[in-house]
Each structure stands twice: as C-alpha cells, then as structure tokens.
Amino acid sequence: MEYIVNRKASVKEVLSDVYEEVNWAYLAKNYFGKTRSWLYHKFSGTNNGAPDDFSDVDRERLRGALVDMADRIRAAADKL
C-alpha cells in the first residue's frame, strides 16, 4: 500500500529554477530588513539544528519582493 504525503513544497524547491540568479542578500536586506544568513536559514529549513521555515506572512512578503523585482527587471528590459 502506498502512502501519499501531502506537504507544502519548501520555498527553495519552488524557487529552484531561479535560485542561482537572485541576489538573496539584497532581497533579505531591502525587503525583509534582515541579514543574508537569516534568509539562508529559512531556505535550509534549519537554524542551529532547530527547524526554521518561512511563516505564511514571510512567504507572502517573499512573493511580493520577487514580483516587484520581476516588474523592475521587465521595465528595464523594455527600455533597451
């Protein structure tokens, strides 16, 4: 018998296609007011061995930050 585990995909899994292209230190500082290491702990799911994940509020803030950056990149590209 197979068991299907219903779990929310990690943020890093969702962003795997663009993970290497984003300056996460810039995003952490300018959109969260946090350090790069804070954000990397969220991506890894652990902080000093303890579970550490994005809250629903932080996921929404990250979504908004990525949309804002995408809009700004698109506007810059359109000017070329």
PDB file of N, CA and C in Angstrom:
ATOM      1  N   MET A   1       0.842  -1.173   0.000  1.00  0.00           N
ATOM      2  CA  MET A   1       0.000   0.000   0.000  1.00  0.00           C
ATOM      3  C   MET A   1       0.889   1.239   0.000  1.00  0.00           C
ATOM      4  N   GLU A   2       0.613   2.179  -0.908  1.00  0.00           N
ATOM      5  CA  GLU A   2       1.384   3.421  -0.982  1.00  0.00           C
ATOM      6  C   GLU A   2       0.731   4.493  -0.131  1.00  0.00           C
ATOM      7  N   TYR A   3       1.577   5.260   0.509  1.00  0.00           N
ATOM      8  CA  TYR A   3       1.088   6.396   1.273  1.00  0.00           C
ATOM      9  C   TYR A   3       1.534   7.663   0.568  1.00  0.00           C
ATOM     10  N   ILE A   4       0.637   8.569   0.373  1.00  0.00           N
ATOM     11  CA  ILE A   4       0.963   9.851  -0.247  1.00  0.00           C
ATOM     12  C   ILE A   4       1.038  10.889   0.856  1.00  0.00           C
ATOM     13  N   VAL A   5       2.175  11.519   0.934  1.00  0.00           N
ATOM     14  CA  VAL A   5       2.376  12.546   1.946  1.00  0.00           C
ATOM     15  C   VAL A   5       1.987  13.890   1.339  1.00  0.00           C
ATOM     16  N   ASN A   6       1.063  14.543   1.948  1.00  0.00           N
ATOM     17  CA  ASN A   6       0.621  15.853   1.481  1.00  0.00           C
ATOM     18  C   ASN A   6       1.380  16.908   2.274  1.00  0.00           C
ATOM     19  N   ARG A   7       2.330  17.541   1.623  1.00  0.00           N
ATOM     20  CA  ARG A   7       3.117  18.555   2.310  1.00  0.00           C
ATOM     21  C   ARG A   7       3.267  19.767   1.412  1.00  0.00           C
ATOM     22  N   LYS A   8       3.488  20.884   2.042  1.00  0.00           N
ATOM     23  CA  LYS A   8       3.731  22.121   1.306  1.00  0.00           C
ATOM     24  C   LYS A   8       5.163  22.095   0.799  1.00  0.00           C
ATOM     25  N   ALA A   9       5.362  22.399  -0.471  1.00  0.00           N
ATOM     26  CA  ALA A   9       6.712  22.438  -1.035  1.00  0.00           C
ATOM     27  C   ALA A   9       7.528  23.506  -0.316  1.00  0.00           C
ATOM     28  N   SER A  10       8.808  23.222  -0.119  1.00  0.00           N
ATOM     29  CA  SER A  10       9.665  24.223   0.515  1.00  0.00           C
ATOM     30  C   SER A  10       9.842  25.400  -0.447  1.00  0.00           C
ATOM     31  N   VAL A  11      10.148  26.538   0.116  1.00  0.00           N
ATOM     32  CA  VAL A  11      10.367  27.734  -0.694  1.00  0.00           C
ATOM     33  C   VAL A  11      11.523  27.495  -1.659  1.00  0.00           C
ATOM     34  N   LYS A  12      12.572  26.863  -1.189  1.00  0.00           N
ATOM     35  CA  LYS A  12      13.725  26.610  -2.054  1.00  0.00           C
ATOM     36  C   LYS A  12      13.347  25.686  -3.214  1.00  0.00           C
ATOM     37  N   GLU A  13      12.482  24.708  -2.973  1.00  0.00           N
ATOM     38  CA  GLU A  13      12.025  23.834  -4.049  1.00  0.00           C
ATOM     39  C   GLU A  13      11.227  24.622  -5.087  1.00  0.00           C
ATOM     40  N   VAL A  14      10.362  25.479  -4.619  1.00  0.00           N
ATOM     41  CA  VAL A  14       9.533  26.283  -5.522  1.00  0.00           C
ATOM     42  C   VAL A  14      10.399  27.202  -6.379  1.00  0.00           C
ATOM     43  N   LEU A  15      11.454  27.741  -5.782  1.00  0.00           N
ATOM     44  CA  LEU A  15      12.308  28.716  -6.470  1.00  0.00           C
ATOM     45  C   LEU A  15      13.518  28.088  -7.163  1.00  0.00           C
ATOM     46  N   SER A  16      13.557  26.780  -7.252  1.00  0.00           N
ATOM     47  CA  SER A  16      14.746  26.103  -7.773  1.00  0.00           C
ATOM     48  C   SER A  16      15.161  26.585  -9.161  1.00  0.00           C
ATOM     49  N   ASP A  17      14.222  26.968  -9.994  1.00  0.00           N
ATOM     50  CA  ASP A  17      14.547  27.398 -11.352  1.00  0.00           C
ATOM     51  C   ASP A  17      15.284  28.738 -11.393  1.00  0.00           C
ATOM     52  N   VAL A  18      15.086  29.591 -10.397  1.00  0.00           N
ATOM     53  CA  VAL A  18      15.709  30.919 -10.401  1.00  0.00           C
ATOM     54  C   VAL A  18      16.630  31.150  -9.201  1.00  0.00           C
ATOM     55  N   TYR A  19      16.794  30.140  -8.366  1.00  0.00           N
ATOM     56  CA  TYR A  19      17.524  30.316  -7.112  1.00  0.00           C
ATOM     57  C   TYR A  19      18.918  30.903  -7.308  1.00  0.00           C
ATOM     58  N   GLU A  20      19.643  30.447  -8.299  1.00  0.00           N
ATOM     59  CA  GLU A  20      21.019  30.904  -8.523  1.00  0.00           C
ATOM     60  C   GLU A  20      21.086  32.310  -9.109  1.00  0.00           C
ATOM     61  N   GLU A  21      20.017  32.805  -9.706  1.00  0.00           N
ATOM     62  CA  GLU A  21      20.044  34.095 -10.388  1.00  0.00           C
ATOM     63  C   GLU A  21      19.695  35.284  -9.488  1.00  0.00           C
ATOM     64  N   VAL A  22      19.143  35.030  -8.328  1.00  0.00           N
ATOM     65  CA  VAL A  22      18.669  36.119  -7.468  1.00  0.00           C
ATOM     66  C   VAL A  22      19.737  36.481  -6.445  1.00  0.00           C
ATOM     67  N   ASN A  23      19.900  37.782  -6.212  1.00  0.00           N
ATOM     68  CA  ASN A  23      20.799  38.258  -5.168  1.00  0.00           C
ATOM     69  C   ASN A  23      20.017  38.243  -3.848  1.00  0.00           C
ATOM     70  N   TRP A  24      20.133  37.133  -3.130  1.00  0.00           N
ATOM     71  CA  TRP A  24      19.342  36.947  -1.912  1.00  0.00           C
ATOM     72  C   TRP A  24      19.769  37.874  -0.793  1.00  0.00           C
ATOM     73  N   ALA A  25      21.039  38.263  -0.743  1.00  0.00           N
ATOM     74  CA  ALA A  25      21.488  39.208   0.283  1.00  0.00           C
ATOM     75  C   ALA A  25      20.781  40.550   0.102  1.00  0.00           C
ATOM     76  N   TYR A  26      20.687  41.011  -1.147  1.00  0.00           N
ATOM     77  CA  TYR A  26      19.977  42.256  -1.454  1.00  0.00           C
ATOM     78  C   TYR A  26      18.508  42.141  -1.054  1.00  0.00           C
ATOM     79  N   LEU A  27      17.892  41.033  -1.433  1.00  0.00           N
ATOM     80  CA  LEU A  27      16.478  40.840  -1.123  1.00  0.00           C
ATOM     81  C   LEU A  27      16.253  40.797   0.383  1.00  0.00           C
ATOM     82  N   ALA A  28      17.075  40.068   1.124  1.00  0.00           N
ATOM     83  CA  ALA A  28      16.921  39.968   2.577  1.00  0.00           C
ATOM     84  C   ALA A  28      17.001  41.342   3.229  1.00  0.00           C
ATOM     85  N   LYS A  29      17.977  42.134   2.810  1.00  0.00           N
ATOM     86  CA  LYS A  29      18.185  43.455   3.403  1.00  0.00           C
ATOM     87  C   LYS A  29      17.078  44.435   3.024  1.00  0.00           C
ATOM     88  N   ASN A  30      16.755  44.491   1.746  1.00  0.00           N
ATOM     89  CA  ASN A  30      15.864  45.542   1.264  1.00  0.00           C
ATOM     90  C   ASN A  30      14.381  45.227   1.366  1.00  0.00           C
ATOM     91  N   TYR A  31      14.012  43.976   1.434  1.00  0.00           N
ATOM     92  CA  TYR A  31      12.594  43.625   1.506  1.00  0.00           C
ATOM     93  C   TYR A  31      12.186  43.074   2.867  1.00  0.00           C
ATOM     94  N   PHE A  32      13.159  42.547   3.632  1.00  0.00           N
ATOM     95  CA  PHE A  32      12.851  41.991   4.946  1.00  0.00           C
ATOM     96  C   PHE A  32      13.520  42.756   6.086  1.00  0.00           C
ATOM     97  N   GLY A  33      14.554  43.558   5.766  1.00  0.00           N
ATOM     98  CA  GLY A  33      15.309  44.214   6.828  1.00  0.00           C
ATOM     99  C   GLY A  33      16.102  43.215   7.646  1.00  0.00           C
ATOM    100  N   LYS A  34      16.490  42.104   7.000  1.00  0.00           N
ATOM    101  CA  LYS A  34      17.194  41.025   7.686  1.00  0.00           C
ATOM    102  C   LYS A  34      18.529  40.764   6.989  1.00  0.00           C
ATOM    103  N   THR A  35      19.322  39.893   7.593  1.00  0.00           N
ATOM    104  CA  THR A  35      20.621  39.539   7.023  1.00  0.00           C
ATOM    105  C   THR A  35      20.480  38.392   6.019  1.00  0.00           C
ATOM    106  N   ARG A  36      21.506  38.239   5.204  1.00  0.00           N
ATOM    107  CA  ARG A  36      21.555  37.136   4.255  1.00  0.00           C
ATOM    108  C   ARG A  36      21.470  35.801   4.988  1.00  0.00           C
ATOM    109  N   SER A  37      22.154  35.689   6.124  1.00  0.00           N
ATOM    110  CA  SER A  37      22.144  34.412   6.847  1.00  0.00           C
ATOM    111  C   SER A  37      20.743  34.081   7.368  1.00  0.00           C
ATOM    112  N   TRP A  38      19.967  35.078   7.768  1.00  0.00           N
ATOM    113  CA  TRP A  38      18.585  34.837   8.193  1.00  0.00           C
ATOM    114  C   TRP A  38      17.809  34.162   7.058  1.00  0.00           C
ATOM    115  N   LEU A  39      17.959  34.698   5.861  1.00  0.00           N
ATOM    116  CA  LEU A  39      17.239  34.162   4.711  1.00  0.00           C
ATOM    117  C   LEU A  39      17.736  32.761   4.353  1.00  0.00           C
ATOM    118  N   TYR A  40      19.035  32.531   4.389  1.00  0.00           N
ATOM    119  CA  TYR A  40      19.569  31.213   4.070  1.00  0.00           C
ATOM    120  C   TYR A  40      19.118  30.156   5.078  1.00  0.00           C
ATOM    121  N   HIS A  41      18.979  30.540   6.348  1.00  0.00           N
ATOM    122  CA  HIS A  41      18.435  29.607   7.338  1.00  0.00           C
ATOM    123  C   HIS A  41      17.007  29.230   6.974  1.00  0.00           C
ATOM    124  N   LYS A  42      16.234  30.201   6.529  1.00  0.00           N
ATOM    125  CA  LYS A  42      14.857  29.919   6.106  1.00  0.00           C
ATOM    126  C   LYS A  42      14.856  28.947   4.923  1.00  0.00           C
ATOM    127  N   PHE A  43      15.745  29.187   3.947  1.00  0.00           N
ATOM    128  CA  PHE A  43      15.818  28.298   2.789  1.00  0.00           C
ATOM    129  C   PHE A  43      16.245  26.886   3.184  1.00  0.00           C
ATOM    130  N   SER A  44      17.169  26.776   4.112  1.00  0.00           N
ATOM    131  CA  SER A  44      17.669  25.451   4.505  1.00  0.00           C
ATOM    132  C   SER A  44      16.677  24.714   5.392  1.00  0.00           C
ATOM    133  N   GLY A  45      15.790  25.453   6.052  1.00  0.00           N
ATOM    134  CA  GLY A  45      14.804  24.821   6.930  1.00  0.00           C
ATOM    135  C   GLY A  45      15.308  24.559   8.330  1.00  0.00           C
ATOM    136  N   THR A  46      16.542  24.967   8.609  1.00  0.00           N
ATOM    137  CA  THR A  46      17.091  24.788   9.956  1.00  0.00           C
ATOM    138  C   THR A  46      17.916  26.001  10.365  1.00  0.00           C
ATOM    139  N   ASN A  47      17.988  26.212  11.658  1.00  0.00           N
ATOM    140  CA  ASN A  47      18.808  27.274  12.229  1.00  0.00           C
ATOM    141  C   ASN A  47      19.448  26.703  13.482  1.00  0.00           C
ATOM    142  N   ASN A  48      20.744  26.447  13.412  1.00  0.00           N
ATOM    143  CA  ASN A  48      21.484  25.812  14.515  1.00  0.00           C
ATOM    144  C   ASN A  48      20.830  24.499  14.936  1.00  0.00           C
ATOM    145  N   GLY A  49      20.395  23.721  13.956  1.00  0.00           N
ATOM    146  CA  GLY A  49      19.808  22.418  14.223  1.00  0.00           C
ATOM    147  C   GLY A  49      18.318  22.428  14.522  1.00  0.00           C
ATOM    148  N   ALA A  50      17.757  23.595  14.751  1.00  0.00           N
ATOM    149  CA  ALA A  50      16.322  23.696  15.047  1.00  0.00           C
ATOM    150  C   ALA A  50      15.548  23.988  13.760  1.00  0.00           C
ATOM    151  N   PRO A  51      14.347  23.451  13.635  1.00  0.00           N
ATOM    152  CA  PRO A  51      13.549  23.738  12.439  1.00  0.00           C
ATOM    153  C   PRO A  51      13.303  25.240  12.285  1.00  0.00           C
ATOM    154  N   ASP A  52      13.427  25.724  11.071  1.00  0.00           N
ATOM    155  CA  ASP A  52      13.232  27.154  10.795  1.00  0.00           C
ATOM    156  C   ASP A  52      12.686  27.277   9.382  1.00  0.00           C
ATOM    157  N   ASP A  53      11.441  27.690   9.257  1.00  0.00           N
ATOM    158  CA  ASP A  53      10.800  27.776   7.947  1.00  0.00           C
ATOM    159  C   ASP A  53      10.170  29.151   7.807  1.00  0.00           C
ATOM    160  N   PHE A  54       9.774  29.467   6.590  1.00  0.00           N
ATOM    161  CA  PHE A  54       9.071  30.712   6.339  1.00  0.00           C
ATOM    162  C   PHE A  54       7.668  30.639   6.926  1.00  0.00           C
ATOM    163  N   SER A  55       7.271  31.687   7.614  1.00  0.00           N
ATOM    164  CA  SER A  55       5.875  31.787   8.039  1.00  0.00           C
ATOM    165  C   SER A  55       5.039  32.131   6.817  1.00  0.00           C
ATOM    166  N   ASP A  56       3.735  32.029   6.938  1.00  0.00           N
ATOM    167  CA  ASP A  56       2.870  32.407   5.824  1.00  0.00           C
ATOM    168  C   ASP A  56       3.054  33.880   5.471  1.00  0.00           C
ATOM    169  N   VAL A  57       3.272  34.716   6.473  1.00  0.00           N
ATOM    170  CA  VAL A  57       3.500  36.149   6.236  1.00  0.00           C
ATOM    171  C   VAL A  57       4.807  36.354   5.482  1.00  0.00           C
ATOM    172  N   ASP A  58       5.861  35.640   5.882  1.00  0.00           N
ATOM    173  CA  ASP A  58       7.151  35.756   5.194  1.00  0.00           C
ATOM    174  C   ASP A  58       7.075  35.214   3.763  1.00  0.00           C
ATOM    175  N   ARG A  59       6.328  34.146   3.544  1.00  0.00           N
ATOM    176  CA  ARG A  59       6.148  33.636   2.177  1.00  0.00           C
ATOM    177  C   ARG A  59       5.470  34.687   1.307  1.00  0.00           C
ATOM    178  N   GLU A  60       4.464  35.341   1.844  1.00  0.00           N
ATOM    179  CA  GLU A  60       3.763  36.375   1.075  1.00  0.00           C
ATOM    180  C   GLU A  60       4.676  37.570   0.814  1.00  0.00           C
ATOM    181  N   ARG A  61       5.486  37.947   1.798  1.00  0.00           N
ATOM    182  CA  ARG A  61       6.434  39.051   1.612  1.00  0.00           C
ATOM    183  C   ARG A  61       7.470  38.687   0.553  1.00  0.00           C
ATOM    184  N   LEU A  62       7.945  37.451   0.568  1.00  0.00           N
ATOM    185  CA  LEU A  62       8.903  36.986  -0.433  1.00  0.00           C
ATOM    186  C   LEU A  62       8.263  37.010  -1.817  1.00  0.00           C
ATOM    187  N   ARG A  63       7.025  36.544  -1.908  1.00  0.00           N
ATOM    188  CA  ARG A  63       6.308  36.578  -3.188  1.00  0.00           C
ATOM    189  C   ARG A  63       6.221  38.009  -3.703  1.00  0.00           C
ATOM    190  N   GLY A  64       5.858  38.946  -2.834  1.00  0.00           N
ATOM    191  CA  GLY A  64       5.762  40.348  -3.235  1.00  0.00           C
ATOM    192  C   GLY A  64       7.106  40.922  -3.668  1.00  0.00           C
ATOM    193  N   ALA A  65       8.166  40.552  -2.972  1.00  0.00           N
ATOM    194  CA  ALA A  65       9.502  41.022  -3.327  1.00  0.00           C
ATOM    195  C   ALA A  65       9.909  40.516  -4.703  1.00  0.00           C
ATOM    196  N   LEU A  66       9.655  39.250  -4.979  1.00  0.00           N
ATOM    197  CA  LEU A  66      10.008  38.684  -6.278  1.00  0.00           C
ATOM    198  C   LEU A  66       9.183  39.306  -7.401  1.00  0.00           C
ATOM    199  N   VAL A  67       7.917  39.562  -7.146  1.00  0.00           N
ATOM    200  CA  VAL A  67       7.070  40.224  -8.153  1.00  0.00           C
ATOM    201  C   VAL A  67       7.582  41.633  -8.412  1.00  0.00           C
ATOM    202  N   ASP A  68       7.927  42.355  -7.353  1.00  0.00           N
ATOM    203  CA  ASP A  68       8.459  43.707  -7.515  1.00  0.00           C
ATOM    204  C   ASP A  68       9.748  43.700  -8.323  1.00  0.00           C
ATOM    205  N   MET A  69      10.657  42.782  -7.988  1.00  0.00           N
ATOM    206  CA  MET A  69      11.921  42.702  -8.719  1.00  0.00           C
ATOM    207  C   MET A  69      11.678  42.321 -10.177  1.00  0.00           C
ATOM    208  N   ALA A  70      10.760  41.391 -10.421  1.00  0.00           N
ATOM    209  CA  ALA A  70      10.454  40.979 -11.799  1.00  0.00           C
ATOM    210  C   ALA A  70       9.890  42.154 -12.598  1.00  0.00           C
ATOM    211  N   ASP A  71       9.010  42.929 -11.971  1.00  0.00           N
ATOM    212  CA  ASP A  71       8.447  44.102 -12.645  1.00  0.00           C
ATOM    213  C   ASP A  71       9.534  45.120 -12.985  1.00  0.00           C
ATOM    214  N   ARG A  72      10.463  45.328 -12.052  1.00  0.00           N
ATOM    215  CA  ARG A  72      11.547  46.283 -12.285  1.00  0.00           C
ATOM    216  C   ARG A  72      12.495  45.789 -13.379  1.00  0.00           C
ATOM    217  N   ILE A  73      12.770  44.501 -13.404  1.00  0.00           N
ATOM    218  CA  ILE A  73      13.628  43.930 -14.451  1.00  0.00           C
ATOM    219  C   ILE A  73      12.937  44.054 -15.793  1.00  0.00           C
ATOM    220  N   ARG A  74      11.655  43.748 -15.864  1.00  0.00           N
ATOM    221  CA  ARG A  74      10.893  43.850 -17.110  1.00  0.00           C
ATOM    222  C   ARG A  74      10.900  45.292 -17.605  1.00  0.00           C
ATOM    223  N   ALA A  75      10.693  46.255 -16.704  1.00  0.00           N
ATOM    224  CA  ALA A  75      10.688  47.668 -17.111  1.00  0.00           C
ATOM    225  C   ALA A  75      12.053  48.087 -17.659  1.00  0.00           C
ATOM    226  N   ALA A  76      13.129  47.623 -17.018  1.00  0.00           N
ATOM    227  CA  ALA A  76      14.471  47.942 -17.500  1.00  0.00           C
ATOM    228  C   ALA A  76      14.708  47.306 -18.867  1.00  0.00           C
ATOM    229  N   ALA A  77      14.291  46.047 -19.029  1.00  0.00           N
ATOM    230  CA  ALA A  77      14.473  45.357 -20.302  1.00  0.00           C
ATOM    231  C   ALA A  77      13.704  46.055 -21.423  1.00  0.00           C
ATOM    232  N   ASP A  78      12.510  46.528 -21.107  1.00  0.00           N
ATOM    233  CA  ASP A  78      11.691  47.206 -22.113  1.00  0.00           C
ATOM    234  C   ASP A  78      12.309  48.505 -22.594  1.00  0.00           C
ATOM    235  N   LYS A  79      13.211  49.083 -21.814  1.00  0.00           N
ATOM    236  CA  LYS A  79      13.872  50.334 -22.189  1.00  0.00           C
ATOM    237  C   LYS A  79      15.050  50.108 -23.142  1.00  0.00           C
ATOM    238  N   LEU A  80      15.468  48.873 -23.291  1.00  0.00           N
ATOM    239  CA  LEU A  80      16.624  48.576 -24.147  1.00  0.00           C
ATOM    240  C   LEU A  80      16.262  48.657 -25.616  1.00  0.00           C
TER     241      LEU A  80
END
